PDB file of all heavy atoms in Angstrom:
ATOM      1  N   ILE A   1      24.804 116.987 -21.002  1.00  0.00           N
ATOM      2  CA  ILE A   1      25.965 116.680 -20.152  1.00  0.00           C
ATOM      3  C   ILE A   1      25.711 115.358 -19.442  1.00  0.00           C
ATOM      4  O   ILE A   1      24.861 115.264 -18.554  1.00  0.00           O
ATOM      5  CB  ILE A   1      26.215 117.812 -19.139  1.00  0.00           C
ATOM      6  CG1 ILE A   1      26.535 119.110 -19.879  1.00  0.00           C
ATOM      7  CG2 ILE A   1      27.351 117.438 -18.188  1.00  0.00           C
ATOM      8  CD1 ILE A   1      26.669 120.327 -18.980  1.00  0.00           C
ATOM      9  N   ARG A   2      26.439 114.334 -19.839  1.00  0.00           N
ATOM     10  CA  ARG A   2      26.333 113.005 -19.235  1.00  0.00           C
ATOM     11  C   ARG A   2      27.327 112.915 -18.079  1.00  0.00           C
ATOM     12  O   ARG A   2      28.521 113.176 -18.240  1.00  0.00           O
ATOM     13  CB  ARG A   2      26.637 111.917 -20.253  1.00  0.00           C
ATOM     14  CG  ARG A   2      25.650 111.899 -21.391  1.00  0.00           C
ATOM     15  CD  ARG A   2      24.738 110.716 -21.272  1.00  0.00           C
ATOM     16  NE  ARG A   2      23.588 110.905 -22.147  1.00  0.00           N
ATOM     17  CZ  ARG A   2      22.374 110.591 -21.789  1.00  0.00           C
ATOM     18  NH1 ARG A   2      22.135 110.074 -20.610  1.00  0.00           N
ATOM     19  NH2 ARG A   2      21.368 110.778 -22.612  1.00  0.00           N
ATOM     20  N   LEU A   3      26.828 112.548 -16.919  1.00  0.00           N
ATOM     21  CA  LEU A   3      27.692 112.514 -15.740  1.00  0.00           C
ATOM     22  C   LEU A   3      28.822 111.504 -15.879  1.00  0.00           C
ATOM     23  O   LEU A   3      29.930 111.738 -15.389  1.00  0.00           O
ATOM     24  CB  LEU A   3      26.874 112.228 -14.486  1.00  0.00           C
ATOM     25  CG  LEU A   3      25.808 113.269 -14.137  1.00  0.00           C
ATOM     26  CD1 LEU A   3      25.227 112.995 -12.767  1.00  0.00           C
ATOM     27  CD2 LEU A   3      26.334 114.676 -14.230  1.00  0.00           C
ATOM     28  N   GLY A   4      28.574 110.405 -16.553  1.00  0.00           N
ATOM     29  CA  GLY A   4      29.631 109.413 -16.751  1.00  0.00           C
ATOM     30  C   GLY A   4      30.812 110.004 -17.507  1.00  0.00           C
ATOM     31  O   GLY A   4      31.966 109.769 -17.159  1.00  0.00           O
ATOM     32  N   ALA A   5      30.533 110.777 -18.548  1.00  0.00           N
ATOM     33  CA  ALA A   5      31.605 111.402 -19.330  1.00  0.00           C
ATOM     34  C   ALA A   5      32.379 112.407 -18.487  1.00  0.00           C
ATOM     35  O   ALA A   5      33.607 112.491 -18.580  1.00  0.00           O
ATOM     36  CB  ALA A   5      31.025 112.069 -20.574  1.00  0.00           C
ATOM     37  N   VAL A   6      31.657 113.152 -17.662  1.00  0.00           N
ATOM     38  CA  VAL A   6      32.315 114.134 -16.792  1.00  0.00           C
ATOM     39  C   VAL A   6      33.233 113.418 -15.809  1.00  0.00           C
ATOM     40  O   VAL A   6      34.407 113.769 -15.661  1.00  0.00           O
ATOM     41  CB  VAL A   6      31.278 114.993 -16.031  1.00  0.00           C
ATOM     42  CG1 VAL A   6      31.962 115.906 -15.018  1.00  0.00           C
ATOM     43  CG2 VAL A   6      30.428 115.802 -17.000  1.00  0.00           C
ATOM     44  N   VAL A   7      32.726 112.394 -15.158  1.00  0.00           N
ATOM     45  CA  VAL A   7      33.528 111.663 -14.174  1.00  0.00           C
ATOM     46  C   VAL A   7      34.722 110.997 -14.840  1.00  0.00           C
ATOM     47  O   VAL A   7      35.844 111.057 -14.329  1.00  0.00           O
ATOM     48  CB  VAL A   7      32.659 110.638 -13.403  1.00  0.00           C
ATOM     49  CG1 VAL A   7      33.508 109.698 -12.567  1.00  0.00           C
ATOM     50  CG2 VAL A   7      31.649 111.374 -12.529  1.00  0.00           C
ATOM     51  N   ARG A   8      34.523 110.364 -16.001  1.00  0.00           N
ATOM     52  CA  ARG A   8      35.649 109.741 -16.704  1.00  0.00           C
ATOM     53  C   ARG A   8      36.756 110.749 -16.974  1.00  0.00           C
ATOM     54  O   ARG A   8      37.935 110.464 -16.770  1.00  0.00           O
ATOM     55  CB  ARG A   8      35.189 109.152 -18.037  1.00  0.00           C
ATOM     56  CG  ARG A   8      34.729 107.759 -17.963  1.00  0.00           C
ATOM     57  CD  ARG A   8      34.470 107.182 -19.367  1.00  0.00           C
ATOM     58  NE  ARG A   8      33.670 106.000 -19.232  1.00  0.00           N
ATOM     59  CZ  ARG A   8      32.353 105.981 -19.143  1.00  0.00           C
ATOM     60  NH1 ARG A   8      31.663 107.087 -19.195  1.00  0.00           N
ATOM     61  NH2 ARG A   8      31.712 104.847 -18.990  1.00  0.00           N
ATOM     62  N   ARG A   9      36.368 111.908 -17.473  1.00  0.00           N
ATOM     63  CA  ARG A   9      37.368 112.925 -17.814  1.00  0.00           C
ATOM     64  C   ARG A   9      38.102 113.423 -16.572  1.00  0.00           C
ATOM     65  O   ARG A   9      39.322 113.534 -16.564  1.00  0.00           O
ATOM     66  CB  ARG A   9      36.723 114.085 -18.547  1.00  0.00           C
ATOM     67  CG  ARG A   9      37.734 115.149 -18.923  1.00  0.00           C
ATOM     68  CD  ARG A   9      37.137 116.264 -19.732  1.00  0.00           C
ATOM     69  NE  ARG A   9      38.143 117.232 -20.049  1.00  0.00           N
ATOM     70  CZ  ARG A   9      38.722 117.382 -21.220  1.00  0.00           C
ATOM     71  NH1 ARG A   9      38.380 116.592 -22.226  1.00  0.00           N
ATOM     72  NH2 ARG A   9      39.634 118.301 -21.414  1.00  0.00           N
ATOM     73  N   LEU A  10      37.358 113.728 -15.531  1.00  0.00           N
ATOM     74  CA  LEU A  10      37.980 114.303 -14.340  1.00  0.00           C
ATOM     75  C   LEU A  10      38.744 113.273 -13.510  1.00  0.00           C
ATOM     76  O   LEU A  10      39.653 113.633 -12.771  1.00  0.00           O
ATOM     77  CB  LEU A  10      36.923 115.001 -13.488  1.00  0.00           C
ATOM     78  CG  LEU A  10      36.238 116.180 -14.180  1.00  0.00           C
ATOM     79  CD1 LEU A  10      35.122 116.733 -13.306  1.00  0.00           C
ATOM     80  CD2 LEU A  10      37.240 117.264 -14.543  1.00  0.00           C
ATOM     81  N   GLU A  11      38.383 112.026 -13.643  1.00  0.00           N
ATOM     82  CA  GLU A  11      39.059 110.965 -12.894  1.00  0.00           C
ATOM     83  C   GLU A  11      40.115 110.240 -13.735  1.00  0.00           C
ATOM     84  O   GLU A  11      40.701 109.260 -13.267  1.00  0.00           O
ATOM     85  CB  GLU A  11      38.030 109.946 -12.389  1.00  0.00           C
ATOM     86  CG  GLU A  11      37.020 110.504 -11.415  1.00  0.00           C
ATOM     87  CD  GLU A  11      37.522 110.572  -9.984  1.00  0.00           C
ATOM     88  OE1 GLU A  11      38.231 109.653  -9.529  1.00  0.00           O
ATOM     89  OE2 GLU A  11      37.182 111.560  -9.299  1.00  0.00           O
ATOM     90  N   ALA A  12      40.351 110.709 -14.960  1.00  0.00           N
ATOM     91  CA  ALA A  12      41.328 110.059 -15.841  1.00  0.00           C
ATOM     92  C   ALA A  12      42.675 109.951 -15.131  1.00  0.00           C
ATOM     93  O   ALA A  12      43.153 110.891 -14.514  1.00  0.00           O
ATOM     94  CB  ALA A  12      41.469 110.842 -17.137  1.00  0.00           C
ATOM     95  N   GLY A  13      43.253 108.786 -15.207  1.00  0.00           N
ATOM     96  CA  GLY A  13      44.558 108.567 -14.595  1.00  0.00           C
ATOM     97  C   GLY A  13      44.497 108.175 -13.128  1.00  0.00           C
ATOM     98  O   GLY A  13      45.521 107.886 -12.522  1.00  0.00           O
ATOM     99  N   GLN A  14      43.301 108.141 -12.550  1.00  0.00           N
ATOM    100  CA  GLN A  14      43.158 107.748 -11.146  1.00  0.00           C
ATOM    101  C   GLN A  14      42.854 106.259 -11.084  1.00  0.00           C
ATOM    102  O   GLN A  14      41.813 105.820 -11.551  1.00  0.00           O
ATOM    103  CB  GLN A  14      42.044 108.547 -10.466  1.00  0.00           C
ATOM    104  CG  GLN A  14      42.303 110.026 -10.409  1.00  0.00           C
ATOM    105  CD  GLN A  14      43.581 110.344  -9.642  1.00  0.00           C
ATOM    106  OE1 GLN A  14      43.813 109.825  -8.554  1.00  0.00           O
ATOM    107  NE2 GLN A  14      44.407 111.186 -10.225  1.00  0.00           N
ATOM    108  N   ALA A  15      43.754 105.509 -10.520  1.00  0.00           N
ATOM    109  CA  ALA A  15      43.582 104.064 -10.427  1.00  0.00           C
ATOM    110  C   ALA A  15      42.656 103.710  -9.273  1.00  0.00           C
ATOM    111  O   ALA A  15      42.822 104.220  -8.159  1.00  0.00           O
ATOM    112  CB  ALA A  15      44.933 103.391 -10.234  1.00  0.00           C
ATOM    113  N   LEU A  16      41.692 102.856  -9.549  1.00  0.00           N
ATOM    114  CA  LEU A  16      40.779 102.387  -8.509  1.00  0.00           C
ATOM    115  C   LEU A  16      41.556 101.607  -7.452  1.00  0.00           C
ATOM    116  O   LEU A  16      41.345 101.773  -6.254  1.00  0.00           O
ATOM    117  CB  LEU A  16      39.688 101.520  -9.133  1.00  0.00           C
ATOM    118  CG  LEU A  16      38.652 100.923  -8.199  1.00  0.00           C
ATOM    119  CD1 LEU A  16      37.861 102.030  -7.506  1.00  0.00           C
ATOM    120  CD2 LEU A  16      37.699 100.023  -8.980  1.00  0.00           C
ATOM    121  N   VAL A  17      42.446 100.767  -7.906  1.00  0.00           N
ATOM    122  CA  VAL A  17      43.345 100.007  -7.030  1.00  0.00           C
ATOM    123  C   VAL A  17      44.731  99.997  -7.665  1.00  0.00           C
ATOM    124  O   VAL A  17      44.902 100.346  -8.832  1.00  0.00           O
ATOM    125  CB  VAL A  17      42.848  98.551  -6.805  1.00  0.00           C
ATOM    126  CG1 VAL A  17      41.592  98.528  -5.941  1.00  0.00           C
ATOM    127  CG2 VAL A  17      42.603  97.841  -8.105  1.00  0.00           C
ATOM    128  N   GLU A  18      45.708  99.582  -6.908  1.00  0.00           N
ATOM    129  CA  GLU A  18      47.114  99.606  -7.324  1.00  0.00           C
ATOM    130  C   GLU A  18      47.337  98.974  -8.700  1.00  0.00           C
ATOM    131  O   GLU A  18      48.025  99.537  -9.544  1.00  0.00           O
ATOM    132  CB  GLU A  18      47.945  98.873  -6.265  1.00  0.00           C
ATOM    133  CG  GLU A  18      49.424  98.826  -6.544  1.00  0.00           C
ATOM    134  CD  GLU A  18      50.148 100.128  -6.266  1.00  0.00           C
ATOM    135  OE1 GLU A  18      49.585 101.012  -5.599  1.00  0.00           O
ATOM    136  OE2 GLU A  18      51.288 100.267  -6.735  1.00  0.00           O
ATOM    137  N   CYS A  19      46.738  97.833  -8.947  1.00  0.00           N
ATOM    138  CA  CYS A  19      47.003  97.123 -10.203  1.00  0.00           C
ATOM    139  C   CYS A  19      46.366  97.795 -11.420  1.00  0.00           C
ATOM    140  O   CYS A  19      46.634  97.408 -12.553  1.00  0.00           O
ATOM    141  CB  CYS A  19      46.574  95.661 -10.106  1.00  0.00           C
ATOM    142  SG  CYS A  19      44.816  95.425  -9.818  1.00  0.00           S
ATOM    143  N   PHE A  20      45.530  98.811 -11.208  1.00  0.00           N
ATOM    144  CA  PHE A  20      44.939  99.544 -12.325  1.00  0.00           C
ATOM    145  C   PHE A  20      45.829 100.690 -12.784  1.00  0.00           C
ATOM    146  O   PHE A  20      45.519 101.341 -13.773  1.00  0.00           O
ATOM    147  CB  PHE A  20      43.569 100.107 -11.936  1.00  0.00           C
ATOM    148  CG  PHE A  20      42.459  99.091 -11.927  1.00  0.00           C
ATOM    149  CD1 PHE A  20      42.693  97.729 -11.827  1.00  0.00           C
ATOM    150  CD2 PHE A  20      41.157  99.513 -12.009  1.00  0.00           C
ATOM    151  CE1 PHE A  20      41.660  96.816 -11.810  1.00  0.00           C
ATOM    152  CE2 PHE A  20      40.104  98.598 -11.995  1.00  0.00           C
ATOM    153  CZ  PHE A  20      40.365  97.246 -11.899  1.00  0.00           C
ATOM    154  N   ARG A  21      46.905 100.945 -12.073  1.00  0.00           N
ATOM    155  CA  ARG A  21      47.806 102.032 -12.474  1.00  0.00           C
ATOM    156  C   ARG A  21      48.383 101.733 -13.856  1.00  0.00           C
ATOM    157  O   ARG A  21      48.565 100.574 -14.234  1.00  0.00           O
ATOM    158  CB  ARG A  21      48.938 102.193 -11.469  1.00  0.00           C
ATOM    159  CG  ARG A  21      48.477 102.789 -10.168  1.00  0.00           C
ATOM    160  CD  ARG A  21      49.573 103.019  -9.179  1.00  0.00           C
ATOM    161  NE  ARG A  21      50.909 103.081  -9.745  1.00  0.00           N
ATOM    162  CZ  ARG A  21      52.010 103.074  -9.024  1.00  0.00           C
ATOM    163  NH1 ARG A  21      51.947 103.000  -7.714  1.00  0.00           N
ATOM    164  NH2 ARG A  21      53.185 103.127  -9.599  1.00  0.00           N
ATOM    165  N   ALA A  22      48.684 102.773 -14.589  1.00  0.00           N
ATOM    166  CA  ALA A  22      49.209 102.622 -15.953  1.00  0.00           C
ATOM    167  C   ALA A  22      50.492 101.789 -15.966  1.00  0.00           C
ATOM    168  O   ALA A  22      50.738 101.034 -16.903  1.00  0.00           O
ATOM    169  CB  ALA A  22      49.457 103.989 -16.569  1.00  0.00           C
ATOM    170  N   ASP A  23      51.301 101.913 -14.910  1.00  0.00           N
ATOM    171  CA  ASP A  23      52.561 101.163 -14.865  1.00  0.00           C
ATOM    172  C   ASP A  23      52.392  99.780 -14.222  1.00  0.00           C
ATOM    173  O   ASP A  23      53.368  99.070 -13.998  1.00  0.00           O
ATOM    174  CB  ASP A  23      53.631 101.960 -14.131  1.00  0.00           C
ATOM    175  CG  ASP A  23      53.320 102.184 -12.654  1.00  0.00           C
ATOM    176  OD1 ASP A  23      52.278 101.700 -12.164  1.00  0.00           O
ATOM    177  OD2 ASP A  23      54.124 102.861 -11.978  1.00  0.00           O
ATOM    178  N   GLY A  24      51.149  99.396 -13.936  1.00  0.00           N
ATOM    179  CA  GLY A  24      50.884  98.090 -13.342  1.00  0.00           C
ATOM    180  C   GLY A  24      50.963  98.071 -11.836  1.00  0.00           C
ATOM    181  O   GLY A  24      50.601  97.088 -11.204  1.00  0.00           O
ATOM    182  N   GLY A  25      51.469  99.138 -11.252  1.00  0.00           N
ATOM    183  CA  GLY A  25      51.546  99.224  -9.802  1.00  0.00           C
ATOM    184  C   GLY A  25      52.485  98.202  -9.209  1.00  0.00           C
ATOM    185  O   GLY A  25      53.335  97.623  -9.892  1.00  0.00           O
ATOM    186  N   ALA A  26      52.319  97.970  -7.945  1.00  0.00           N
ATOM    187  CA  ALA A  26      53.174  97.037  -7.222  1.00  0.00           C
ATOM    188  C   ALA A  26      52.320  95.966  -6.553  1.00  0.00           C
ATOM    189  O   ALA A  26      52.444  95.711  -5.365  1.00  0.00           O
ATOM    190  CB  ALA A  26      54.006  97.796  -6.190  1.00  0.00           C
ATOM    191  N   CYS A  27      51.461  95.349  -7.328  1.00  0.00           N
ATOM    192  CA  CYS A  27      50.550  94.345  -6.775  1.00  0.00           C
ATOM    193  C   CYS A  27      51.328  93.068  -6.455  1.00  0.00           C
ATOM    194  O   CYS A  27      51.975  92.482  -7.329  1.00  0.00           O
ATOM    195  CB  CYS A  27      49.422  94.047  -7.758  1.00  0.00           C
ATOM    196  SG  CYS A  27      48.281  92.793  -7.134  1.00  0.00           S
TER     197      CYS A  27
END
């Protein structure tokens, strides 16, 4: 069990900042 893979899966879709959102956000 690699922690990076776990975090990637559980954090999928979570943007670090607004511009990382799938829709581009409102930067």
